[in-house]
Amino acid sequence: MSTRPELAWFKSSYSGSQGDSCVEVAVTERAVCVRDSKDVTHPYFTAGRGEWSRFVGFVTEA
């Protein structure tokens, strides 16, 4: 039986101080996990590290 390791979640340094519209990410060896910080009980989604890098590059140019 395999157990999932605990993820180390953190908020972006761009998150507002009121915490009302934030996401949290957790980086693993193969992927980046993303969840809604307002309700951490909901499922999170996972993007491959390459896909996440392209996404971040796109939004920082916008």
Protein backbone atom coordinates (compact mmCIF):
# COMPACT_ATOMS: atom_id res chain seq x y z
CA MET A 1 0.00 0.00 0.00
CA SER A 2 1.39 3.39 -1.03
CA THR A 3 0.77 6.58 0.92
CA ARG A 4 0.78 10.05 -0.56
CA PRO A 5 3.31 12.40 0.96
CA GLU A 6 2.03 15.56 2.62
CA LEU A 7 2.25 18.52 0.24
CA ALA A 8 3.90 21.78 1.34
CA TRP A 9 1.35 24.39 0.22
CA PHE A 10 2.20 28.08 -0.08
CA LYS A 11 0.51 31.24 -1.36
CA SER A 12 1.90 33.52 -3.99
CA SER A 13 3.80 36.59 -2.85
CA TYR A 14 1.24 38.48 -4.98
CA SER A 15 -1.66 37.30 -2.81
CA GLY A 16 -3.63 40.06 -1.17
CA SER A 17 -3.49 40.57 2.57
CA GLN A 18 -7.21 39.85 2.91
CA GLY A 19 -6.85 36.32 1.50
CA ASP A 20 -10.13 36.42 -0.39
CA SER A 21 -8.94 35.50 -3.89
CA CYS A 22 -5.83 33.38 -3.60
CA VAL A 23 -4.56 30.10 -4.83
CA GLU A 24 -1.98 27.95 -3.15
CA VAL A 25 0.60 25.80 -4.88
CA ALA A 26 2.68 22.83 -3.86
CA VAL A 27 5.67 21.78 -5.95
CA THR A 28 6.58 18.12 -6.29
CA GLU A 29 9.36 16.42 -8.21
CA ARG A 30 7.15 16.01 -11.28
CA ALA A 31 4.32 18.50 -11.00
CA VAL A 32 2.81 21.62 -9.50
CA CYS A 33 -0.44 21.21 -7.56
CA VAL A 34 -2.87 24.13 -7.36
CA ARG A 35 -5.83 24.63 -5.01
CA ASP A 36 -8.25 27.31 -3.86
CA SER A 37 -7.00 28.75 -0.58
CA LYS A 38 -10.52 29.64 0.53
CA ASP A 39 -11.59 25.99 0.65
CA VAL A 40 -8.70 23.56 0.88
CA THR A 41 -11.09 20.61 1.23
CA HIS A 42 -11.94 20.76 -2.50
CA PRO A 43 -9.79 18.74 -4.87
CA TYR A 44 -6.72 20.36 -6.36
CA PHE A 45 -5.46 20.11 -9.91
CA THR A 46 -2.01 19.14 -11.05
CA ALA A 47 0.01 20.51 -13.95
CA GLY A 48 3.29 19.13 -15.22
CA ARG A 49 6.27 21.32 -14.40
CA GLY A 50 6.76 22.25 -18.08
CA GLU A 51 3.11 23.18 -18.51
CA TRP A 52 3.19 25.24 -15.30
CA SER A 53 6.32 27.06 -16.46
CA ARG A 54 4.67 27.95 -19.78
CA PHE A 55 1.55 29.15 -17.96
CA VAL A 56 3.52 31.38 -15.58
CA GLY A 57 5.53 32.76 -18.52
CA PHE A 58 2.30 33.59 -20.34
CA VAL A 59 0.62 35.38 -17.44
CA THR A 60 3.71 37.38 -16.51
CA GLU A 61 3.83 38.78 -20.05
CA ALA A 62 0.17 39.83 -19.96
